[in-house]
Full PDB file with SEQRES, HELIX, SHEET, SSBOND, CRYST1, ORIGX, SCALE, CONECT and MASTER records, all heavy atoms in Angstrom:
SEQRES   1 A   33  VAL VAL GLY PHE TRP ARG GLN ARG HIS PRO GLU GLU VAL          
SEQRES   2 A   33  ARG ALA VAL ASP ALA GLU LEU VAL TYR GLY HIS THR GLN          
SEQRES   3 A   33  VAL THR GLU ALA ARG GLU ILE                                  
HELIX    1 AA1 VAL A    2  ARG A    8  1                                   7    
HELIX    2 AA2 PRO A   10  GLU A   12  5                                   3    
HELIX    3 AA3 VAL A   13  GLU A   32  1                                  20    
CRYST1    1.000    1.000    1.000  90.00  90.00  90.00 P 1           1          
ORIGX1      1.000000  0.000000  0.000000        0.00000                         
ORIGX2      0.000000  1.000000  0.000000        0.00000                         
ORIGX3      0.000000  0.000000  1.000000        0.00000                         
SCALE1      1.000000  0.000000  0.000000        0.00000                         
SCALE2      0.000000  1.000000  0.000000        0.00000                         
SCALE3      0.000000  0.000000  1.000000        0.00000                         
ATOM      1  N   VAL A   1      -2.567   0.670  -7.852  1.00  0.00           N  
ATOM      2  CA  VAL A   1      -3.497   0.712  -6.723  1.00  0.00           C  
ATOM      3  C   VAL A   1      -3.671   2.145  -6.231  1.00  0.00           C  
ATOM      4  O   VAL A   1      -4.793   2.601  -5.993  1.00  0.00           O  
ATOM      5  CB  VAL A   1      -3.031  -0.211  -5.577  1.00  0.00           C  
ATOM      6  CG1 VAL A   1      -3.915  -0.051  -4.347  1.00  0.00           C  
ATOM      7  CG2 VAL A   1      -3.023  -1.659  -6.048  1.00  0.00           C  
ATOM      8  N   VAL A   2      -2.581   2.866  -6.090  1.00  0.00           N  
ATOM      9  CA  VAL A   2      -2.654   4.259  -5.646  1.00  0.00           C  
ATOM     10  C   VAL A   2      -3.457   5.091  -6.655  1.00  0.00           C  
ATOM     11  O   VAL A   2      -4.301   5.899  -6.271  1.00  0.00           O  
ATOM     12  CB  VAL A   2      -1.242   4.841  -5.416  1.00  0.00           C  
ATOM     13  CG1 VAL A   2      -1.281   6.349  -5.260  1.00  0.00           C  
ATOM     14  CG2 VAL A   2      -0.605   4.193  -4.193  1.00  0.00           C  
ATOM     15  N   GLY A   3      -3.224   4.861  -7.935  1.00  0.00           N  
ATOM     16  CA  GLY A   3      -3.978   5.583  -8.969  1.00  0.00           C  
ATOM     17  C   GLY A   3      -5.464   5.277  -8.906  1.00  0.00           C  
ATOM     18  O   GLY A   3      -6.304   6.178  -9.062  1.00  0.00           O  
ATOM     19  N   PHE A   4      -5.806   4.020  -8.664  1.00  0.00           N  
ATOM     20  CA  PHE A   4      -7.209   3.629  -8.528  1.00  0.00           C  
ATOM     21  C   PHE A   4      -7.844   4.364  -7.350  1.00  0.00           C  
ATOM     22  O   PHE A   4      -8.940   4.905  -7.461  1.00  0.00           O  
ATOM     23  CB  PHE A   4      -7.306   2.111  -8.349  1.00  0.00           C  
ATOM     24  CG  PHE A   4      -8.675   1.627  -8.001  1.00  0.00           C  
ATOM     25  CD1 PHE A   4      -9.686   1.611  -8.946  1.00  0.00           C  
ATOM     26  CD2 PHE A   4      -8.963   1.191  -6.714  1.00  0.00           C  
ATOM     27  CE1 PHE A   4     -10.966   1.164  -8.619  1.00  0.00           C  
ATOM     28  CE2 PHE A   4     -10.233   0.744  -6.378  1.00  0.00           C  
ATOM     29  CZ  PHE A   4     -11.236   0.739  -7.335  1.00  0.00           C  
ATOM     30  N   TRP A   5      -7.149   4.391  -6.223  1.00  0.00           N  
ATOM     31  CA  TRP A   5      -7.694   5.027  -5.016  1.00  0.00           C  
ATOM     32  C   TRP A   5      -7.837   6.534  -5.206  1.00  0.00           C  
ATOM     33  O   TRP A   5      -8.786   7.152  -4.730  1.00  0.00           O  
ATOM     34  CB  TRP A   5      -6.793   4.740  -3.811  1.00  0.00           C  
ATOM     35  CG  TRP A   5      -7.594   4.271  -2.649  1.00  0.00           C  
ATOM     36  CD1 TRP A   5      -8.195   5.052  -1.702  1.00  0.00           C  
ATOM     37  CD2 TRP A   5      -7.922   2.931  -2.317  1.00  0.00           C  
ATOM     38  NE1 TRP A   5      -8.868   4.281  -0.804  1.00  0.00           N  
ATOM     39  CE2 TRP A   5      -8.712   2.962  -1.159  1.00  0.00           C  
ATOM     40  CE3 TRP A   5      -7.612   1.702  -2.887  1.00  0.00           C  
ATOM     41  CZ2 TRP A   5      -9.195   1.822  -0.560  1.00  0.00           C  
ATOM     42  CZ3 TRP A   5      -8.094   0.570  -2.287  1.00  0.00           C  
ATOM     43  CH2 TRP A   5      -8.879   0.632  -1.138  1.00  0.00           C  
ATOM     44  N   ARG A   6      -6.878   7.132  -5.890  1.00  0.00           N  
ATOM     45  CA  ARG A   6      -6.857   8.579  -6.086  1.00  0.00           C  
ATOM     46  C   ARG A   6      -8.115   9.068  -6.819  1.00  0.00           C  
ATOM     47  O   ARG A   6      -8.557  10.195  -6.607  1.00  0.00           O  
ATOM     48  CB  ARG A   6      -5.608   8.967  -6.860  1.00  0.00           C  
ATOM     49  CG  ARG A   6      -5.427  10.463  -7.024  1.00  0.00           C  
ATOM     50  CD  ARG A   6      -4.111  10.824  -7.686  1.00  0.00           C  
ATOM     51  NE  ARG A   6      -3.025  10.635  -6.732  1.00  0.00           N  
ATOM     52  CZ  ARG A   6      -1.980   9.819  -6.920  1.00  0.00           C  
ATOM     53  NH1 ARG A   6      -1.875   9.115  -8.027  1.00  0.00           N  
ATOM     54  NH2 ARG A   6      -1.040   9.703  -6.017  1.00  0.00           N  
ATOM     55  N   GLN A   7      -8.713   8.226  -7.667  1.00  0.00           N  
ATOM     56  CA  GLN A   7      -9.881   8.623  -8.451  1.00  0.00           C  
ATOM     57  C   GLN A   7     -11.034   9.142  -7.598  1.00  0.00           C  
ATOM     58  O   GLN A   7     -11.704  10.088  -7.966  1.00  0.00           O  
ATOM     59  CB  GLN A   7     -10.391   7.443  -9.271  1.00  0.00           C  
ATOM     60  CG  GLN A   7      -9.508   7.076 -10.402  1.00  0.00           C  
ATOM     61  CD  GLN A   7     -10.100   5.919 -11.176  1.00  0.00           C  
ATOM     62  OE1 GLN A   7     -11.293   5.664 -11.139  1.00  0.00           O  
ATOM     63  NE2 GLN A   7      -9.257   5.212 -11.888  1.00  0.00           N  
ATOM     64  N   ARG A   8     -11.326   8.468  -6.493  1.00  0.00           N  
ATOM     65  CA  ARG A   8     -12.500   8.839  -5.700  1.00  0.00           C  
ATOM     66  C   ARG A   8     -12.175   9.303  -4.284  1.00  0.00           C  
ATOM     67  O   ARG A   8     -12.949  10.003  -3.681  1.00  0.00           O  
ATOM     68  CB  ARG A   8     -13.467   7.653  -5.594  1.00  0.00           C  
ATOM     69  CG  ARG A   8     -14.136   7.265  -6.885  1.00  0.00           C  
ATOM     70  CD  ARG A   8     -15.092   8.358  -7.357  1.00  0.00           C  
ATOM     71  NE  ARG A   8     -16.108   7.937  -8.276  1.00  0.00           N  
ATOM     72  CZ  ARG A   8     -15.948   7.600  -9.536  1.00  0.00           C  
ATOM     73  NH1 ARG A   8     -14.750   7.544 -10.048  1.00  0.00           N  
ATOM     74  NH2 ARG A   8     -16.974   7.286 -10.288  1.00  0.00           N  
ATOM     75  N   HIS A   9     -11.025   8.878  -3.766  1.00  0.00           N  
ATOM     76  CA  HIS A   9     -10.672   9.216  -2.380  1.00  0.00           C  
ATOM     77  C   HIS A   9      -9.223   9.677  -2.282  1.00  0.00           C  
ATOM     78  O   HIS A   9      -8.397   9.030  -1.643  1.00  0.00           O  
ATOM     79  CB  HIS A   9     -10.913   8.003  -1.468  1.00  0.00           C  
ATOM     80  CG  HIS A   9     -12.350   7.609  -1.402  1.00  0.00           C  
ATOM     81  ND1 HIS A   9     -13.270   8.309  -0.663  1.00  0.00           N  
ATOM     82  CD2 HIS A   9     -13.023   6.600  -2.008  1.00  0.00           C  
ATOM     83  CE1 HIS A   9     -14.464   7.738  -0.808  1.00  0.00           C  
ATOM     84  NE2 HIS A   9     -14.330   6.707  -1.624  1.00  0.00           N  
ATOM     85  N   PRO A  10      -8.921  10.822  -2.903  1.00  0.00           N  
ATOM     86  CA  PRO A  10      -7.532  11.292  -2.879  1.00  0.00           C  
ATOM     87  C   PRO A  10      -7.020  11.564  -1.458  1.00  0.00           C  
ATOM     88  O   PRO A  10      -5.821  11.462  -1.198  1.00  0.00           O  
ATOM     89  CB  PRO A  10      -7.559  12.573  -3.716  1.00  0.00           C  
ATOM     90  CG  PRO A  10      -8.985  12.962  -3.815  1.00  0.00           C  
ATOM     91  CD  PRO A  10      -9.793  11.718  -3.642  1.00  0.00           C  
ATOM     92  N   GLU A  11      -7.927  11.859  -0.557  1.00  0.00           N  
ATOM     93  CA  GLU A  11      -7.526  12.119   0.829  1.00  0.00           C  
ATOM     94  C   GLU A  11      -6.987  10.861   1.523  1.00  0.00           C  
ATOM     95  O   GLU A  11      -6.311  10.954   2.549  1.00  0.00           O  
ATOM     96  CB  GLU A  11      -8.702  12.698   1.637  1.00  0.00           C  
ATOM     97  CG  GLU A  11      -9.817  11.727   1.967  1.00  0.00           C  
ATOM     98  CD  GLU A  11     -10.789  11.397   0.826  1.00  0.00           C  
ATOM     99  OE1 GLU A  11     -10.623  11.930  -0.291  1.00  0.00           O  
ATOM    100  OE2 GLU A  11     -11.706  10.590   1.057  1.00  0.00           O  
ATOM    101  N   GLU A  12      -7.260   9.684   0.974  1.00  0.00           N  
ATOM    102  CA  GLU A  12      -6.812   8.421   1.575  1.00  0.00           C  
ATOM    103  C   GLU A  12      -5.543   7.865   0.921  1.00  0.00           C  
ATOM    104  O   GLU A  12      -5.008   6.862   1.380  1.00  0.00           O  
ATOM    105  CB  GLU A  12      -7.926   7.372   1.477  1.00  0.00           C  
ATOM    106  CG  GLU A  12      -9.166   7.718   2.269  1.00  0.00           C  
ATOM    107  CD  GLU A  12     -10.277   6.698   2.085  1.00  0.00           C  
ATOM    108  OE1 GLU A  12     -10.033   5.621   1.482  1.00  0.00           O  
ATOM    109  OE2 GLU A  12     -11.395   6.976   2.540  1.00  0.00           O  
ATOM    110  N   VAL A  13      -5.069   8.511  -0.126  1.00  0.00           N  
ATOM    111  CA  VAL A  13      -3.955   7.971  -0.903  1.00  0.00           C  
ATOM    112  C   VAL A  13      -2.700   7.787  -0.054  1.00  0.00           C  
ATOM    113  O   VAL A  13      -2.031   6.754  -0.151  1.00  0.00           O  
ATOM    114  CB  VAL A  13      -3.675   8.850  -2.146  1.00  0.00           C  
ATOM    115  CG1 VAL A  13      -2.333   8.513  -2.784  1.00  0.00           C  
ATOM    116  CG2 VAL A  13      -4.789   8.684  -3.158  1.00  0.00           C  
ATOM    117  N   ARG A  14      -2.372   8.768   0.772  1.00  0.00           N  
ATOM    118  CA  ARG A  14      -1.157   8.656   1.588  1.00  0.00           C  
ATOM    119  C   ARG A  14      -1.228   7.427   2.504  1.00  0.00           C  
ATOM    120  O   ARG A  14      -0.266   6.670   2.614  1.00  0.00           O  
ATOM    121  CB  ARG A  14      -0.958   9.931   2.401  1.00  0.00           C  
ATOM    122  CG  ARG A  14       0.321   9.901   3.215  1.00  0.00           C  
ATOM    123  CD  ARG A  14       0.592  11.214   3.866  1.00  0.00           C  
ATOM    124  NE  ARG A  14       1.341  12.002   2.894  1.00  0.00           N  
ATOM    125  CZ  ARG A  14       1.527  13.296   2.980  1.00  0.00           C  
ATOM    126  NH1 ARG A  14       1.022  13.975   3.976  1.00  0.00           N  
ATOM    127  NH2 ARG A  14       2.234  13.936   2.081  1.00  0.00           N  
ATOM    128  N   ALA A  15      -2.372   7.212   3.151  1.00  0.00           N  
ATOM    129  CA  ALA A  15      -2.541   6.061   4.054  1.00  0.00           C  
ATOM    130  C   ALA A  15      -2.509   4.749   3.273  1.00  0.00           C  
ATOM    131  O   ALA A  15      -1.883   3.771   3.715  1.00  0.00           O  
ATOM    132  CB  ALA A  15      -3.848   6.182   4.828  1.00  0.00           C  
ATOM    133  N   VAL A  16      -3.160   4.702   2.113  1.00  0.00           N  
ATOM    134  CA  VAL A  16      -3.172   3.491   1.283  1.00  0.00           C  
ATOM    135  C   VAL A  16      -1.755   3.163   0.818  1.00  0.00           C  
ATOM    136  O   VAL A  16      -1.328   2.008   0.878  1.00  0.00           O  
ATOM    137  CB  VAL A  16      -4.141   3.661   0.080  1.00  0.00           C  
ATOM    138  CG1 VAL A  16      -3.923   2.586  -0.962  1.00  0.00           C  
ATOM    139  CG2 VAL A  16      -5.578   3.674   0.568  1.00  0.00           C  
ATOM    140  N   ASP A  17      -1.021   4.186   0.389  1.00  0.00           N  
ATOM    141  CA  ASP A  17       0.348   3.964  -0.051  1.00  0.00           C  
ATOM    142  C   ASP A  17       1.213   3.435   1.101  1.00  0.00           C  
ATOM    143  O   ASP A  17       2.006   2.498   0.910  1.00  0.00           O  
ATOM    144  CB  ASP A  17       0.937   5.251  -0.619  1.00  0.00           C  
ATOM    145  CG  ASP A  17       2.256   5.011  -1.326  1.00  0.00           C  
ATOM    146  OD1 ASP A  17       2.394   3.999  -2.043  1.00  0.00           O  
ATOM    147  OD2 ASP A  17       3.172   5.841  -1.156  1.00  0.00           O  
ATOM    148  N   ALA A  18       1.046   3.993   2.286  1.00  0.00           N  
ATOM    149  CA  ALA A  18       1.805   3.520   3.446  1.00  0.00           C  
ATOM    150  C   ALA A  18       1.470   2.059   3.757  1.00  0.00           C  
ATOM    151  O   ALA A  18       2.364   1.266   4.092  1.00  0.00           O  
ATOM    152  CB  ALA A  18       1.527   4.406   4.665  1.00  0.00           C  
ATOM    153  N   GLU A  19       0.200   1.686   3.639  1.00  0.00           N  
ATOM    154  CA  GLU A  19      -0.197   0.289   3.872  1.00  0.00           C  
ATOM    155  C   GLU A  19       0.404  -0.642   2.827  1.00  0.00           C  
ATOM    156  O   GLU A  19       0.795  -1.766   3.141  1.00  0.00           O  
ATOM    157  CB  GLU A  19      -1.720   0.166   3.879  1.00  0.00           C  
ATOM    158  CG  GLU A  19      -2.363   0.760   5.113  1.00  0.00           C  
ATOM    159  CD  GLU A  19      -3.869   0.601   5.108  1.00  0.00           C  
ATOM    160  OE1 GLU A  19      -4.334  -0.551   4.980  1.00  0.00           O  
ATOM    161  OE2 GLU A  19      -4.569   1.624   5.220  1.00  0.00           O  
ATOM    162  N   LEU A  20       0.454  -0.192   1.595  1.00  0.00           N  
ATOM    163  CA  LEU A  20       1.067  -0.993   0.538  1.00  0.00           C  
ATOM    164  C   LEU A  20       2.554  -1.217   0.811  1.00  0.00           C  
ATOM    165  O   LEU A  20       3.049  -2.337   0.679  1.00  0.00           O  
ATOM    166  CB  LEU A  20       0.872  -0.321  -0.820  1.00  0.00           C  
ATOM    167  CG  LEU A  20      -0.536  -0.358  -1.398  1.00  0.00           C  
ATOM    168  CD1 LEU A  20      -0.665   0.631  -2.550  1.00  0.00           C  
ATOM    169  CD2 LEU A  20      -0.903  -1.766  -1.854  1.00  0.00           C  
ATOM    170  N   VAL A  21       3.257  -0.162   1.192  1.00  0.00           N  
ATOM    171  CA  VAL A  21       4.684  -0.272   1.472  1.00  0.00           C  
ATOM    172  C   VAL A  21       4.923  -1.208   2.655  1.00  0.00           C  
ATOM    173  O   VAL A  21       5.806  -2.076   2.612  1.00  0.00           O  
ATOM    174  CB  VAL A  21       5.299   1.122   1.725  1.00  0.00           C  
ATOM    175  CG1 VAL A  21       6.731   1.014   2.246  1.00  0.00           C  
ATOM    176  CG2 VAL A  21       5.250   1.949   0.451  1.00  0.00           C  
ATOM    177  N   TYR A  22       4.138  -1.063   3.703  1.00  0.00           N  
ATOM    178  CA  TYR A  22       4.269  -1.936   4.865  1.00  0.00           C  
ATOM    179  C   TYR A  22       3.972  -3.388   4.488  1.00  0.00           C  
ATOM    180  O   TYR A  22       4.686  -4.308   4.892  1.00  0.00           O  
ATOM    181  CB  TYR A  22       3.346  -1.467   5.989  1.00  0.00           C  
ATOM    182  CG  TYR A  22       3.470  -2.292   7.248  1.00  0.00           C  
ATOM    183  CD1 TYR A  22       4.652  -2.321   7.974  1.00  0.00           C  
ATOM    184  CD2 TYR A  22       2.401  -3.058   7.703  1.00  0.00           C  
ATOM    185  CE1 TYR A  22       4.769  -3.085   9.126  1.00  0.00           C  
ATOM    186  CE2 TYR A  22       2.505  -3.825   8.847  1.00  0.00           C  
ATOM    187  CZ  TYR A  22       3.694  -3.831   9.557  1.00  0.00           C  
ATOM    188  OH  TYR A  22       3.812  -4.600  10.688  1.00  0.00           O  
ATOM    189  N   GLY A  23       2.931  -3.597   3.696  1.00  0.00           N  
ATOM    190  CA  GLY A  23       2.590  -4.945   3.235  1.00  0.00           C  
ATOM    191  C   GLY A  23       3.707  -5.554   2.411  1.00  0.00           C  
ATOM    192  O   GLY A  23       4.027  -6.742   2.545  1.00  0.00           O  
ATOM    193  N   HIS A  24       4.316  -4.754   1.552  1.00  0.00           N  
ATOM    194  CA  HIS A  24       5.448  -5.207   0.739  1.00  0.00           C  
ATOM    195  C   HIS A  24       6.575  -5.724   1.633  1.00  0.00           C  
ATOM    196  O   HIS A  24       7.123  -6.807   1.397  1.00  0.00           O  
ATOM    197  CB  HIS A  24       5.932  -4.058  -0.147  1.00  0.00           C  
ATOM    198  CG  HIS A  24       7.242  -4.287  -0.807  1.00  0.00           C  
ATOM    199  ND1 HIS A  24       7.436  -5.227  -1.797  1.00  0.00           N  
ATOM    200  CD2 HIS A  24       8.451  -3.708  -0.610  1.00  0.00           C  
ATOM    201  CE1 HIS A  24       8.696  -5.201  -2.192  1.00  0.00           C  
ATOM    202  NE2 HIS A  24       9.329  -4.285  -1.485  1.00  0.00           N  
ATOM    203  N   THR A  25       6.888  -4.986   2.677  1.00  0.00           N  
ATOM    204  CA  THR A  25       7.928  -5.402   3.624  1.00  0.00           C  
ATOM    205  C   THR A  25       7.540  -6.701   4.319  1.00  0.00           C  
ATOM    206  O   THR A  25       8.353  -7.630   4.430  1.00  0.00           O  
ATOM    207  CB  THR A  25       8.166  -4.291   4.676  1.00  0.00           C  
ATOM    208  OG1 THR A  25       8.545  -3.097   3.989  1.00  0.00           O  
ATOM    209  CG2 THR A  25       9.246  -4.687   5.663  1.00  0.00           C  
ATOM    210  N   GLN A  26       6.285  -6.794   4.757  1.00  0.00           N  
ATOM    211  CA  GLN A  26       5.816  -8.002   5.437  1.00  0.00           C  
ATOM    212  C   GLN A  26       5.900  -9.228   4.527  1.00  0.00           C  
ATOM    213  O   GLN A  26       6.354 -10.293   4.944  1.00  0.00           O  
ATOM    214  CB  GLN A  26       4.374  -7.824   5.913  1.00  0.00           C  
ATOM    215  CG  GLN A  26       4.214  -6.905   7.092  1.00  0.00           C  
ATOM    216  CD  GLN A  26       2.756  -6.838   7.505  1.00  0.00           C  
ATOM    217  OE1 GLN A  26       1.899  -6.457   6.712  1.00  0.00           O  
ATOM    218  NE2 GLN A  26       2.480  -7.231   8.740  1.00  0.00           N  
ATOM    219  N   VAL A  27       5.417  -9.095   3.294  1.00  0.00           N  
ATOM    220  CA  VAL A  27       5.403 -10.230   2.360  1.00  0.00           C  
ATOM    221  C   VAL A  27       6.825 -10.653   2.013  1.00  0.00           C  
ATOM    222  O   VAL A  27       7.133 -11.852   1.987  1.00  0.00           O  
ATOM    223  CB  VAL A  27       4.599  -9.884   1.082  1.00  0.00           C  
ATOM    224  CG1 VAL A  27       4.828 -10.912  -0.013  1.00  0.00           C  
ATOM    225  CG2 VAL A  27       3.119  -9.774   1.408  1.00  0.00           C  
ATOM    226  N   THR A  28       7.686  -9.698   1.767  1.00  0.00           N  
ATOM    227  CA  THR A  28       9.079 -10.020   1.432  1.00  0.00           C  
ATOM    228  C   THR A  28       9.737 -10.799   2.565  1.00  0.00           C  
ATOM    229  O   THR A  28      10.370 -11.834   2.333  1.00  0.00           O  
ATOM    230  CB  THR A  28       9.864  -8.727   1.128  1.00  0.00           C  
ATOM    231  OG1 THR A  28       9.215  -8.035   0.053  1.00  0.00           O  
ATOM    232  CG2 THR A  28      11.298  -9.040   0.733  1.00  0.00           C  
ATOM    233  N   GLU A  29       9.569 -10.324   3.790  1.00  0.00           N  
ATOM    234  CA  GLU A  29      10.157 -11.016   4.942  1.00  0.00           C  
ATOM    235  C   GLU A  29       9.515 -12.390   5.153  1.00  0.00           C  
ATOM    236  O   GLU A  29      10.214 -13.361   5.460  1.00  0.00           O  
ATOM    237  CB  GLU A  29      10.007 -10.164   6.201  1.00  0.00           C  
ATOM    238  CG  GLU A  29      10.872  -8.915   6.179  1.00  0.00           C  
ATOM    239  CD  GLU A  29      10.596  -7.961   7.338  1.00  0.00           C  
ATOM    240  OE1 GLU A  29       9.689  -8.232   8.166  1.00  0.00           O  
ATOM    241  OE2 GLU A  29      11.283  -6.923   7.412  1.00  0.00           O  
ATOM    242  N   ALA A  30       8.205 -12.481   4.996  1.00  0.00           N  
ATOM    243  CA  ALA A  30       7.503 -13.754   5.203  1.00  0.00           C  
ATOM    244  C   ALA A  30       7.918 -14.796   4.166  1.00  0.00           C  
ATOM    245  O   ALA A  30       8.079 -15.970   4.488  1.00  0.00           O  
ATOM    246  CB  ALA A  30       5.995 -13.535   5.166  1.00  0.00           C  
ATOM    247  N   ARG A  31       8.087 -14.368   2.931  1.00  0.00           N  
ATOM    248  CA  ARG A  31       8.508 -15.318   1.891  1.00  0.00           C  
ATOM    249  C   ARG A  31       9.911 -15.842   2.141  1.00  0.00           C  
ATOM    250  O   ARG A  31      10.216 -16.985   1.821  1.00  0.00           O  
ATOM    251  CB  ARG A  31       8.408 -14.682   0.505  1.00  0.00           C  
ATOM    252  CG  ARG A  31       6.984 -14.645  -0.001  1.00  0.00           C  
ATOM    253  CD  ARG A  31       6.926 -14.347  -1.471  1.00  0.00           C  
ATOM    254  NE  ARG A  31       5.540 -14.330  -1.932  1.00  0.00           N  
ATOM    255  CZ  ARG A  31       5.194 -14.157  -3.184  1.00  0.00           C  
ATOM    256  NH1 ARG A  31       6.121 -13.972  -4.111  1.00  0.00           N  
ATOM    257  NH2 ARG A  31       3.924 -14.168  -3.537  1.00  0.00           N  
ATOM    258  N   GLU A  32      10.764 -15.010   2.721  1.00  0.00           N  
ATOM    259  CA  GLU A  32      12.125 -15.448   3.026  1.00  0.00           C  
ATOM    260  C   GLU A  32      12.141 -16.600   4.021  1.00  0.00           C  
ATOM    261  O   GLU A  32      13.013 -17.459   3.963  1.00  0.00           O  
ATOM    262  CB  GLU A  32      12.953 -14.282   3.558  1.00  0.00           C  
ATOM    263  CG  GLU A  32      13.347 -13.283   2.496  1.00  0.00           C  
ATOM    264  CD  GLU A  32      14.065 -12.070   3.060  1.00  0.00           C  
ATOM    265  OE1 GLU A  32      14.403 -12.052   4.273  1.00  0.00           O  
ATOM    266  OE2 GLU A  32      14.304 -11.122   2.287  1.00  0.00           O  
ATOM    267  N   ILE A  33      11.145 -16.628   4.922  1.00  0.00           N  
ATOM    268  CA  ILE A  33      11.102 -17.706   5.920  1.00  0.00           C  
ATOM    269  C   ILE A  33      10.013 -18.741   5.616  1.00  0.00           C  
ATOM    270  O   ILE A  33       9.782 -19.647   6.402  1.00  0.00           O  
ATOM    271  CB  ILE A  33      10.918 -17.143   7.351  1.00  0.00           C  
ATOM    272  CG1 ILE A  33       9.597 -16.373   7.486  1.00  0.00           C  
ATOM    273  CG2 ILE A  33      12.102 -16.285   7.741  1.00  0.00           C  
ATOM    274  CD1 ILE A  33       9.261 -15.978   8.914  1.00  0.00           C  
TER     275      ILE A  33                                                      
MASTER        0    0    0    3    0    0    0    6  274    1    0    3          
END                                                                             
C-alpha cells in the first residue's frame, strides 16, 4: 500500500503509513474481542 501511494503522492506516504499502523492496532484489538 505504501509503495502504491508513493508512486503519485510521496508527500502523503508518512500519513498513509501512520494510518495503516493505527488501523492494524485497531483491527487486532477488535478481533480479540
